[in-house]
Amino acid sequence: MLGAPWLRHAWTAIPADDAPEDAWLILWVLDWVRHALATAPAALFDPPLNYPAPHQLSGSEHFLSSQILYAPLVGLTGGAIPAANLTALLSYALAGACMDALL
């Protein structure tokens, strides 16, 4: 398995390629959406980004469907990084299981 060396660090690090900023953005968006859904769902697309420009999240991916896994995992793991990594890993397994069920 090509990802095996990285799995040792999955609890404290995020995978990054040539643009580590992308990985941090995904983590930030996941956590913002979780926060907004729990506190102020009407402000979901108004993150504290590029203020005062409204609806800044509408120009990016919101990963809303990932909240089904991510939000409970933040509570279980106690952190955003392990929750994001587990969400990515579990998403592949769930997608495969759903595809198998559909076929």
PDB file of N, CA and C in Angstrom:
ATOM      1  N   MET A   1       0.845  -1.172   0.000  1.00  0.00           N
ATOM      2  CA  MET A   1       0.000   0.000   0.000  1.00  0.00           C
ATOM      3  C   MET A   1       0.892   1.238   0.000  1.00  0.00           C
ATOM      4  N   LEU A   2       0.661   2.131  -0.944  1.00  0.00           N
ATOM      5  CA  LEU A   2       1.525   3.301  -1.092  1.00  0.00           C
ATOM      6  C   LEU A   2       1.400   4.294   0.058  1.00  0.00           C
ATOM      7  N   GLY A   3       0.255   4.346   0.711  1.00  0.00           N
ATOM      8  CA  GLY A   3       0.060   5.307   1.792  1.00  0.00           C
ATOM      9  C   GLY A   3       0.508   4.817   3.158  1.00  0.00           C
ATOM     10  N   ALA A   4       1.012   3.586   3.244  1.00  0.00           N
ATOM     11  CA  ALA A   4       1.383   3.010   4.540  1.00  0.00           C
ATOM     12  C   ALA A   4       2.388   3.862   5.321  1.00  0.00           C
ATOM     13  N   PRO A   5       3.429   4.410   4.721  1.00  0.00           N
ATOM     14  CA  PRO A   5       4.351   5.226   5.513  1.00  0.00           C
ATOM     15  C   PRO A   5       3.683   6.463   6.108  1.00  0.00           C
ATOM     16  N   TRP A   6       2.707   6.997   5.416  1.00  0.00           N
ATOM     17  CA  TRP A   6       2.045   8.195   5.913  1.00  0.00           C
ATOM     18  C   TRP A   6       1.095   7.892   7.064  1.00  0.00           C
ATOM     19  N   LEU A   7       0.525   6.694   7.100  1.00  0.00           N
ATOM     20  CA  LEU A   7      -0.467   6.347   8.116  1.00  0.00           C
ATOM     21  C   LEU A   7       0.084   6.477   9.538  1.00  0.00           C
ATOM     22  N   ARG A   8       1.404   6.343   9.710  1.00  0.00           N
ATOM     23  CA  ARG A   8       1.994   6.517  11.046  1.00  0.00           C
ATOM     24  C   ARG A   8       1.773   7.926  11.566  1.00  0.00           C
ATOM     25  N   HIS A   9       1.683   8.891  10.674  1.00  0.00           N
ATOM     26  CA  HIS A   9       1.578  10.293  11.053  1.00  0.00           C
ATOM     27  C   HIS A   9       0.166  10.852  10.869  1.00  0.00           C
ATOM     28  N   ALA A  10      -0.799  10.010  10.582  1.00  0.00           N
ATOM     29  CA  ALA A  10      -2.150  10.478  10.253  1.00  0.00           C
ATOM     30  C   ALA A  10      -2.844  11.180  11.415  1.00  0.00           C
ATOM     31  N   TRP A  11      -2.412  10.942  12.643  1.00  0.00           N
ATOM     32  CA  TRP A  11      -3.062  11.565  13.789  1.00  0.00           C
ATOM     33  C   TRP A  11      -2.621  13.009  13.973  1.00  0.00           C
ATOM     34  N   THR A  12      -1.444  13.356  13.458  1.00  0.00           N
ATOM     35  CA  THR A  12      -0.899  14.692  13.719  1.00  0.00           C
ATOM     36  C   THR A  12      -0.515  15.473  12.475  1.00  0.00           C
ATOM     37  N   ALA A  13      -0.617  14.892  11.299  1.00  0.00           N
ATOM     38  CA  ALA A  13      -0.167  15.583  10.086  1.00  0.00           C
ATOM     39  C   ALA A  13      -1.181  15.393   8.963  1.00  0.00           C
ATOM     40  N   ILE A  14      -1.175  16.322   8.032  1.00  0.00           N
ATOM     41  CA  ILE A  14      -2.040  16.206   6.871  1.00  0.00           C
ATOM     42  C   ILE A  14      -1.183  15.916   5.648  1.00  0.00           C
ATOM     43  N   PRO A  15      -1.727  15.148   4.699  1.00  0.00           N
ATOM     44  CA  PRO A  15      -0.950  14.872   3.494  1.00  0.00           C
ATOM     45  C   PRO A  15      -0.840  16.126   2.636  1.00  0.00           C
ATOM     46  N   ALA A  16       0.301  16.313   2.056  1.00  0.00           N
ATOM     47  CA  ALA A  16       0.502  17.485   1.199  1.00  0.00           C
ATOM     48  C   ALA A  16       1.398  17.097   0.032  1.00  0.00           C
ATOM     49  N   ASP A  17       1.148  17.709  -1.088  1.00  0.00           N
ATOM     50  CA  ASP A  17       2.011  17.493  -2.240  1.00  0.00           C
ATOM     51  C   ASP A  17       2.789  18.771  -2.494  1.00  0.00           C
ATOM     52  N   ASP A  18       2.815  19.229  -3.709  1.00  0.00           N
ATOM     53  CA  ASP A  18       3.560  20.443  -4.038  1.00  0.00           C
ATOM     54  C   ASP A  18       2.897  21.708  -3.503  1.00  0.00           C
ATOM     55  N   ALA A  19       1.639  21.626  -3.113  1.00  0.00           N
ATOM     56  CA  ALA A  19       0.909  22.796  -2.617  1.00  0.00           C
ATOM     57  C   ALA A  19       0.274  22.467  -1.260  1.00  0.00           C
ATOM     58  N   PRO A  20       1.046  22.526  -0.174  1.00  0.00           N
ATOM     59  CA  PRO A  20       0.486  22.192   1.141  1.00  0.00           C
ATOM     60  C   PRO A  20      -0.628  23.143   1.575  1.00  0.00           C
ATOM     61  N   GLU A  21      -0.687  24.317   0.950  1.00  0.00           N
ATOM     62  CA  GLU A  21      -1.761  25.265   1.283  1.00  0.00           C
ATOM     63  C   GLU A  21      -3.136  24.678   0.978  1.00  0.00           C
ATOM     64  N   ASP A  22      -3.212  23.849  -0.055  1.00  0.00           N
ATOM     65  CA  ASP A  22      -4.490  23.225  -0.406  1.00  0.00           C
ATOM     66  C   ASP A  22      -4.976  22.310   0.707  1.00  0.00           C
ATOM     67  N   ALA A  23      -4.073  21.538   1.286  1.00  0.00           N
ATOM     68  CA  ALA A  23      -4.456  20.635   2.365  1.00  0.00           C
ATOM     69  C   ALA A  23      -4.941  21.421   3.579  1.00  0.00           C
ATOM     70  N   TRP A  24      -4.267  22.520   3.887  1.00  0.00           N
ATOM     71  CA  TRP A  24      -4.700  23.348   5.026  1.00  0.00           C
ATOM     72  C   TRP A  24      -6.037  24.021   4.737  1.00  0.00           C
ATOM     73  N   LEU A  25      -6.278  24.405   3.481  1.00  0.00           N
ATOM     74  CA  LEU A  25      -7.560  25.014   3.118  1.00  0.00           C
ATOM     75  C   LEU A  25      -8.703  24.012   3.292  1.00  0.00           C
ATOM     76  N   ILE A  26      -8.496  22.780   2.860  1.00  0.00           N
ATOM     77  CA  ILE A  26      -9.517  21.754   3.014  1.00  0.00           C
ATOM     78  C   ILE A  26      -9.837  21.554   4.494  1.00  0.00           C
ATOM     79  N   LEU A  27      -8.807  21.483   5.314  1.00  0.00           N
ATOM     80  CA  LEU A  27      -9.009  21.312   6.751  1.00  0.00           C
ATOM     81  C   LEU A  27      -9.759  22.507   7.343  1.00  0.00           C
ATOM     82  N   TRP A  28      -9.391  23.703   6.933  1.00  0.00           N
ATOM     83  CA  TRP A  28     -10.043  24.911   7.445  1.00  0.00           C
ATOM     84  C   TRP A  28     -11.517  24.951   7.025  1.00  0.00           C
ATOM     85  N   VAL A  29     -11.802  24.625   5.769  1.00  0.00           N
ATOM     86  CA  VAL A  29     -13.180  24.649   5.280  1.00  0.00           C
ATOM     87  C   VAL A  29     -14.015  23.587   6.000  1.00  0.00           C
ATOM     88  N   LEU A  30     -13.474  22.387   6.161  1.00  0.00           N
ATOM     89  CA  LEU A  30     -14.204  21.351   6.892  1.00  0.00           C
ATOM     90  C   LEU A  30     -14.568  21.824   8.293  1.00  0.00           C
ATOM     91  N   ASP A  31     -13.615  22.435   8.971  1.00  0.00           N
ATOM     92  CA  ASP A  31     -13.870  22.874  10.344  1.00  0.00           C
ATOM     93  C   ASP A  31     -14.812  24.075  10.385  1.00  0.00           C
ATOM     94  N   TRP A  32     -14.701  24.986   9.407  1.00  0.00           N
ATOM     95  CA  TRP A  32     -15.620  26.124   9.380  1.00  0.00           C
ATOM     96  C   TRP A  32     -17.062  25.652   9.159  1.00  0.00           C
ATOM     97  N   VAL A  33     -17.265  24.736   8.220  1.00  0.00           N
ATOM     98  CA  VAL A  33     -18.613  24.254   7.917  1.00  0.00           C
ATOM     99  C   VAL A  33     -19.184  23.540   9.140  1.00  0.00           C
ATOM    100  N   ARG A  34     -18.376  22.743   9.824  1.00  0.00           N
ATOM    101  CA  ARG A  34     -18.836  22.082  11.050  1.00  0.00           C
ATOM    102  C   ARG A  34     -19.262  23.117  12.088  1.00  0.00           C
ATOM    103  N   HIS A  35     -18.444  24.128  12.268  1.00  0.00           N
ATOM    104  CA  HIS A  35     -18.750  25.195  13.230  1.00  0.00           C
ATOM    105  C   HIS A  35     -20.024  25.948  12.827  1.00  0.00           C
ATOM    106  N   ALA A  36     -20.127  26.312  11.562  1.00  0.00           N
ATOM    107  CA  ALA A  36     -21.279  27.088  11.101  1.00  0.00           C
ATOM    108  C   ALA A  36     -22.577  26.291  11.220  1.00  0.00           C
ATOM    109  N   LEU A  37     -22.536  25.010  10.885  1.00  0.00           N
ATOM    110  CA  LEU A  37     -23.746  24.189  10.998  1.00  0.00           C
ATOM    111  C   LEU A  37     -24.200  24.064  12.446  1.00  0.00           C
ATOM    112  N   ALA A  38     -23.254  24.053  13.374  1.00  0.00           N
ATOM    113  CA  ALA A  38     -23.606  23.897  14.789  1.00  0.00           C
ATOM    114  C   ALA A  38     -24.045  25.205  15.439  1.00  0.00           C
ATOM    115  N   THR A  39     -23.541  26.334  14.946  1.00  0.00           N
ATOM    116  CA  THR A  39     -23.805  27.606  15.632  1.00  0.00           C
ATOM    117  C   THR A  39     -24.709  28.549  14.847  1.00  0.00           C
ATOM    118  N   ALA A  40     -24.468  28.701  13.555  1.00  0.00           N
ATOM    119  CA  ALA A  40     -25.250  29.650  12.751  1.00  0.00           C
ATOM    120  C   ALA A  40     -25.353  29.145  11.309  1.00  0.00           C
ATOM    121  N   PRO A  41     -26.251  28.202  11.055  1.00  0.00           N
ATOM    122  CA  PRO A  41     -26.353  27.632   9.704  1.00  0.00           C
ATOM    123  C   PRO A  41     -26.625  28.662   8.609  1.00  0.00           C
ATOM    124  N   ALA A  42     -27.285  29.744   8.928  1.00  0.00           N
ATOM    125  CA  ALA A  42     -27.567  30.769   7.921  1.00  0.00           C
ATOM    126  C   ALA A  42     -26.293  31.469   7.454  1.00  0.00           C
ATOM    127  N   ALA A  43     -25.244  31.396   8.252  1.00  0.00           N
ATOM    128  CA  ALA A  43     -23.975  32.044   7.910  1.00  0.00           C
ATOM    129  C   ALA A  43     -22.974  31.056   7.314  1.00  0.00           C
ATOM    130  N   LEU A  44     -23.447  29.917   6.840  1.00  0.00           N
ATOM    131  CA  LEU A  44     -22.561  28.873   6.313  1.00  0.00           C
ATOM    132  C   LEU A  44     -21.617  29.398   5.235  1.00  0.00           C
ATOM    133  N   PHE A  45     -22.127  30.191   4.312  1.00  0.00           N
ATOM    134  CA  PHE A  45     -21.308  30.662   3.198  1.00  0.00           C
ATOM    135  C   PHE A  45     -20.608  31.989   3.496  1.00  0.00           C
ATOM    136  N   ASP A  46     -20.660  32.445   4.742  1.00  0.00           N
ATOM    137  CA  ASP A  46     -20.014  33.696   5.150  1.00  0.00           C
ATOM    138  C   ASP A  46     -18.908  33.444   6.162  1.00  0.00           C
ATOM    139  N   PRO A  47     -17.848  32.745   5.771  1.00  0.00           N
ATOM    140  CA  PRO A  47     -16.757  32.518   6.723  1.00  0.00           C
ATOM    141  C   PRO A  47     -15.976  33.807   6.965  1.00  0.00           C
ATOM    142  N   PRO A  48     -15.185  33.847   8.021  1.00  0.00           N
ATOM    143  CA  PRO A  48     -14.376  35.037   8.281  1.00  0.00           C
ATOM    144  C   PRO A  48     -13.184  35.091   7.315  1.00  0.00           C
ATOM    145  N   LEU A  49     -13.491  35.388   6.095  1.00  0.00           N
ATOM    146  CA  LEU A  49     -12.515  35.367   5.017  1.00  0.00           C
ATOM    147  C   LEU A  49     -12.830  36.496   4.051  1.00  0.00           C
ATOM    148  N   ASN A  50     -11.853  37.287   3.691  1.00  0.00           N
ATOM    149  CA  ASN A  50     -12.030  38.406   2.763  1.00  0.00           C
ATOM    150  C   ASN A  50     -13.134  39.357   3.200  1.00  0.00           C
ATOM    151  N   TYR A  51     -13.226  39.603   4.502  1.00  0.00           N
ATOM    152  CA  TYR A  51     -14.235  40.516   5.034  1.00  0.00           C
ATOM    153  C   TYR A  51     -14.037  41.895   4.433  1.00  0.00           C
ATOM    154  N   PRO A  52     -15.049  42.590   4.047  1.00  0.00           N
ATOM    155  CA  PRO A  52     -16.479  42.407   4.233  1.00  0.00           C
ATOM    156  C   PRO A  52     -17.181  41.750   3.052  1.00  0.00           C
ATOM    157  N   ALA A  53     -16.455  41.171   2.119  1.00  0.00           N
ATOM    158  CA  ALA A  53     -17.093  40.525   0.972  1.00  0.00           C
ATOM    159  C   ALA A  53     -17.973  39.361   1.442  1.00  0.00           C
ATOM    160  N   PRO A  54     -19.229  39.314   1.020  1.00  0.00           N
ATOM    161  CA  PRO A  54     -20.143  38.269   1.492  1.00  0.00           C
ATOM    162  C   PRO A  54     -19.994  36.964   0.703  1.00  0.00           C
ATOM    163  N   HIS A  55     -20.448  35.899   1.294  1.00  0.00           N
ATOM    164  CA  HIS A  55     -20.580  34.586   0.642  1.00  0.00           C
ATOM    165  C   HIS A  55     -19.285  34.090   0.007  1.00  0.00           C
ATOM    166  N   GLN A  56     -18.184  34.196   0.704  1.00  0.00           N
ATOM    167  CA  GLN A  56     -16.897  33.795   0.145  1.00  0.00           C
ATOM    168  C   GLN A  56     -16.757  32.282  -0.021  1.00  0.00           C
ATOM    169  N   LEU A  57     -17.487  31.518   0.771  1.00  0.00           N
ATOM    170  CA  LEU A  57     -17.402  30.071   0.629  1.00  0.00           C
ATOM    171  C   LEU A  57     -18.116  29.576  -0.632  1.00  0.00           C
ATOM    172  N   SER A  58     -18.957  30.402  -1.214  1.00  0.00           N
ATOM    173  CA  SER A  58     -19.658  29.992  -2.431  1.00  0.00           C
ATOM    174  C   SER A  58     -18.707  29.876  -3.615  1.00  0.00           C
ATOM    175  N   GLY A  59     -17.517  30.436  -3.516  1.00  0.00           N
ATOM    176  CA  GLY A  59     -16.536  30.328  -4.589  1.00  0.00           C
ATOM    177  C   GLY A  59     -15.572  29.179  -4.406  1.00  0.00           C
ATOM    178  N   SER A  60     -15.800  28.344  -3.401  1.00  0.00           N
ATOM    179  CA  SER A  60     -14.924  27.222  -3.100  1.00  0.00           C
ATOM    180  C   SER A  60     -15.774  25.990  -2.796  1.00  0.00           C
ATOM    181  N   GLU A  61     -15.150  24.864  -2.685  1.00  0.00           N
ATOM    182  CA  GLU A  61     -15.857  23.647  -2.292  1.00  0.00           C
ATOM    183  C   GLU A  61     -16.220  23.737  -0.818  1.00  0.00           C
ATOM    184  N   HIS A  62     -17.443  23.358  -0.474  1.00  0.00           N
ATOM    185  CA  HIS A  62     -17.872  23.462   0.922  1.00  0.00           C
ATOM    186  C   HIS A  62     -17.803  22.127   1.650  1.00  0.00           C
ATOM    187  N   PHE A  63     -17.596  21.033   0.966  1.00  0.00           N
ATOM    188  CA  PHE A  63     -17.476  19.707   1.582  1.00  0.00           C
ATOM    189  C   PHE A  63     -18.646  19.399   2.523  1.00  0.00           C
ATOM    190  N   LEU A  64     -19.823  19.856   2.149  1.00  0.00           N
ATOM    191  CA  LEU A  64     -20.988  19.704   3.018  1.00  0.00           C
ATOM    192  C   LEU A  64     -21.332  18.237   3.258  1.00  0.00           C
ATOM    193  N   SER A  65     -21.258  17.410   2.241  1.00  0.00           N
ATOM    194  CA  SER A  65     -21.593  15.996   2.436  1.00  0.00           C
ATOM    195  C   SER A  65     -20.569  15.279   3.311  1.00  0.00           C
ATOM    196  N   SER A  66     -19.348  15.788   3.363  1.00  0.00           N
ATOM    197  CA  SER A  66     -18.321  15.185   4.220  1.00  0.00           C
ATOM    198  C   SER A  66     -18.614  15.387   5.696  1.00  0.00           C
ATOM    199  N   GLN A  67     -19.502  16.319   6.019  1.00  0.00           N
ATOM    200  CA  GLN A  67     -19.838  16.576   7.421  1.00  0.00           C
ATOM    201  C   GLN A  67     -20.535  15.383   8.067  1.00  0.00           C
ATOM    202  N   ILE A  68     -21.121  14.514   7.258  1.00  0.00           N
ATOM    203  CA  ILE A  68     -21.770  13.317   7.794  1.00  0.00           C
ATOM    204  C   ILE A  68     -20.754  12.478   8.572  1.00  0.00           C
ATOM    205  N   LEU A  69     -19.529  12.397   8.068  1.00  0.00           N
ATOM    206  CA  LEU A  69     -18.463  11.681   8.765  1.00  0.00           C
ATOM    207  C   LEU A  69     -17.621  12.608   9.635  1.00  0.00           C
ATOM    208  N   TYR A  70     -17.283  13.776   9.108  1.00  0.00           N
ATOM    209  CA  TYR A  70     -16.318  14.656   9.775  1.00  0.00           C
ATOM    210  C   TYR A  70     -16.801  15.162  11.132  1.00  0.00           C
ATOM    211  N   ALA A  71     -18.015  15.670  11.211  1.00  0.00           N
ATOM    212  CA  ALA A  71     -18.496  16.271  12.460  1.00  0.00           C
ATOM    213  C   ALA A  71     -18.484  15.277  13.628  1.00  0.00           C
ATOM    214  N   PRO A  72     -19.009  14.061  13.470  1.00  0.00           N
ATOM    215  CA  PRO A  72     -18.916  13.123  14.598  1.00  0.00           C
ATOM    216  C   PRO A  72     -17.479  12.710  14.916  1.00  0.00           C
ATOM    217  N   LEU A  73     -16.644  12.618  13.874  1.00  0.00           N
ATOM    218  CA  LEU A  73     -15.259  12.209  14.107  1.00  0.00           C
ATOM    219  C   LEU A  73     -14.461  13.260  14.871  1.00  0.00           C
ATOM    220  N   VAL A  74     -14.791  14.543  14.704  1.00  0.00           N
ATOM    221  CA  VAL A  74     -14.118  15.577  15.495  1.00  0.00           C
ATOM    222  C   VAL A  74     -14.393  15.340  16.976  1.00  0.00           C
ATOM    223  N   GLY A  75     -15.631  15.020  17.300  1.00  0.00           N
ATOM    224  CA  GLY A  75     -15.968  14.736  18.688  1.00  0.00           C
ATOM    225  C   GLY A  75     -15.305  13.472  19.212  1.00  0.00           C
ATOM    226  N   LEU A  76     -15.209  12.452  18.375  1.00  0.00           N
ATOM    227  CA  LEU A  76     -14.602  11.189  18.807  1.00  0.00           C
ATOM    228  C   LEU A  76     -13.083  11.276  18.939  1.00  0.00           C
ATOM    229  N   THR A  77     -12.449  11.977  18.002  1.00  0.00           N
ATOM    230  CA  THR A  77     -10.983  12.036  18.013  1.00  0.00           C
ATOM    231  C   THR A  77     -10.450  13.210  18.819  1.00  0.00           C
ATOM    232  N   GLY A  78     -11.265  14.241  18.989  1.00  0.00           N
ATOM    233  CA  GLY A  78     -10.816  15.400  19.746  1.00  0.00           C
ATOM    234  C   GLY A  78     -10.007  16.392  18.942  1.00  0.00           C
ATOM    235  N   GLY A  79      -9.935  16.215  17.631  1.00  0.00           N
ATOM    236  CA  GLY A  79      -9.160  17.145  16.818  1.00  0.00           C
ATOM    237  C   GLY A  79      -9.577  17.140  15.370  1.00  0.00           C
ATOM    238  N   ALA A  80      -9.271  18.239  14.694  1.00  0.00           N
ATOM    239  CA  ALA A  80      -9.649  18.384  13.293  1.00  0.00           C
ATOM    240  C   ALA A  80      -8.766  17.553  12.363  1.00  0.00           C
ATOM    241  N   ILE A  81      -7.479  17.462  12.657  1.00  0.00           N
ATOM    242  CA  ILE A  81      -6.569  16.738  11.757  1.00  0.00           C
ATOM    243  C   ILE A  81      -6.885  15.248  11.707  1.00  0.00           C
ATOM    244  N   PRO A  82      -6.976  14.558  12.841  1.00  0.00           N
ATOM    245  CA  PRO A  82      -7.321  13.130  12.716  1.00  0.00           C
ATOM    246  C   PRO A  82      -8.720  12.908  12.144  1.00  0.00           C
ATOM    247  N   ALA A  83      -9.646  13.809  12.436  1.00  0.00           N
ATOM    248  CA  ALA A  83     -10.999  13.666  11.891  1.00  0.00           C
ATOM    249  C   ALA A  83     -10.988  13.828  10.374  1.00  0.00           C
ATOM    250  N   ALA A  84     -10.241  14.784   9.855  1.00  0.00           N
ATOM    251  CA  ALA A  84     -10.158  14.982   8.404  1.00  0.00           C
ATOM    252  C   ALA A  84      -9.494  13.781   7.729  1.00  0.00           C
ATOM    253  N   ASN A  85      -8.436  13.251   8.327  1.00  0.00           N
ATOM    254  CA  ASN A  85      -7.759  12.097   7.746  1.00  0.00           C
ATOM    255  C   ASN A  85      -8.655  10.859   7.760  1.00  0.00           C
ATOM    256  N   LEU A  86      -9.362  10.638   8.868  1.00  0.00           N
ATOM    257  CA  LEU A  86     -10.281   9.501   8.927  1.00  0.00           C
ATOM    258  C   LEU A  86     -11.444   9.680   7.958  1.00  0.00           C
ATOM    259  N   THR A  87     -11.911  10.908   7.795  1.00  0.00           N
ATOM    260  CA  THR A  87     -12.986  11.172   6.839  1.00  0.00           C
ATOM    261  C   THR A  87     -12.548  10.801   5.428  1.00  0.00           C
ATOM    262  N   ALA A  88     -11.341  11.179   5.066  1.00  0.00           N
ATOM    263  CA  ALA A  88     -10.837  10.841   3.728  1.00  0.00           C
ATOM    264  C   ALA A  88     -10.715   9.336   3.556  1.00  0.00           C
ATOM    265  N   LEU A  89     -10.157   8.654   4.539  1.00  0.00           N
ATOM    266  CA  LEU A  89      -9.976   7.207   4.429  1.00  0.00           C
ATOM    267  C   LEU A  89     -11.314   6.475   4.410  1.00  0.00           C
ATOM    268  N   LEU A  90     -12.217   6.858   5.301  1.00  0.00           N
ATOM    269  CA  LEU A  90     -13.513   6.185   5.370  1.00  0.00           C
ATOM    270  C   LEU A  90     -14.390   6.488   4.156  1.00  0.00           C
ATOM    271  N   SER A  91     -14.195   7.658   3.545  1.00  0.00           N
ATOM    272  CA  SER A  91     -14.977   8.012   2.358  1.00  0.00           C
ATOM    273  C   SER A  91     -14.724   7.039   1.216  1.00  0.00           C
ATOM    274  N   TYR A  92     -13.471   6.622   1.046  1.00  0.00           N
ATOM    275  CA  TYR A  92     -13.157   5.669  -0.019  1.00  0.00           C
ATOM    276  C   TYR A  92     -13.834   4.328   0.247  1.00  0.00           C
ATOM    277  N   ALA A  93     -13.771   3.859   1.484  1.00  0.00           N
ATOM    278  CA  ALA A  93     -14.386   2.577   1.829  1.00  0.00           C
ATOM    279  C   ALA A  93     -15.907   2.663   1.669  1.00  0.00           C
ATOM    280  N   LEU A  94     -16.502   3.746   2.133  1.00  0.00           N
ATOM    281  CA  LEU A  94     -17.947   3.903   2.011  1.00  0.00           C
ATOM    282  C   LEU A  94     -18.382   4.006   0.549  1.00  0.00           C
ATOM    283  N   ALA A  95     -17.625   4.736  -0.241  1.00  0.00           N
ATOM    284  CA  ALA A  95     -17.956   4.864  -1.667  1.00  0.00           C
ATOM    285  C   ALA A  95     -17.901   3.502  -2.348  1.00  0.00           C
ATOM    286  N   GLY A  96     -16.899   2.694  -2.010  1.00  0.00           N
ATOM    287  CA  GLY A  96     -16.790   1.348  -2.572  1.00  0.00           C
ATOM    288  C   GLY A  96     -17.947   0.457  -2.155  1.00  0.00           C
ATOM    289  N   ALA A  97     -18.325   0.538  -0.884  1.00  0.00           N
ATOM    290  CA  ALA A  97     -19.445  -0.271  -0.395  1.00  0.00           C
ATOM    291  C   ALA A  97     -20.755   0.146  -1.054  1.00  0.00           C
ATOM    292  N   CYS A  98     -20.953   1.440  -1.206  1.00  0.00           N
ATOM    293  CA  CYS A  98     -22.176   1.938  -1.863  1.00  0.00           C
ATOM    294  C   CYS A  98     -22.205   1.538  -3.333  1.00  0.00           C
ATOM    295  N   MET A  99     -21.049   1.610  -3.988  1.00  0.00           N
ATOM    296  CA  MET A  99     -20.993   1.229  -5.390  1.00  0.00           C
ATOM    297  C   MET A  99     -21.298  -0.262  -5.545  1.00  0.00           C
ATOM    298  N   ASP A 100     -20.767  -1.068  -4.638  1.00  0.00           N
ATOM    299  CA  ASP A 100     -21.032  -2.498  -4.679  1.00  0.00           C
ATOM    300  C   ASP A 100     -22.512  -2.768  -4.473  1.00  0.00           C
ATOM    301  N   ALA A 101     -23.126  -2.036  -3.537  1.00  0.00           N
ATOM    302  CA  ALA A 101     -24.560  -2.233  -3.274  1.00  0.00           C
ATOM    303  C   ALA A 101     -25.405  -1.823  -4.489  1.00  0.00           C
ATOM    304  N   LEU A 102     -24.999  -0.782  -5.183  1.00  0.00           N
ATOM    305  CA  LEU A 102     -25.738  -0.354  -6.353  1.00  0.00           C
ATOM    306  C   LEU A 102     -25.604  -1.325  -7.519  1.00  0.00           C
ATOM    307  N   LEU A 103     -24.443  -1.944  -7.623  1.00  0.00           N
ATOM    308  CA  LEU A 103     -24.242  -2.886  -8.727  1.00  0.00           C
ATOM    309  C   LEU A 103     -24.930  -4.189  -8.443  1.00  0.00           C
TER     310      LEU A 103
END
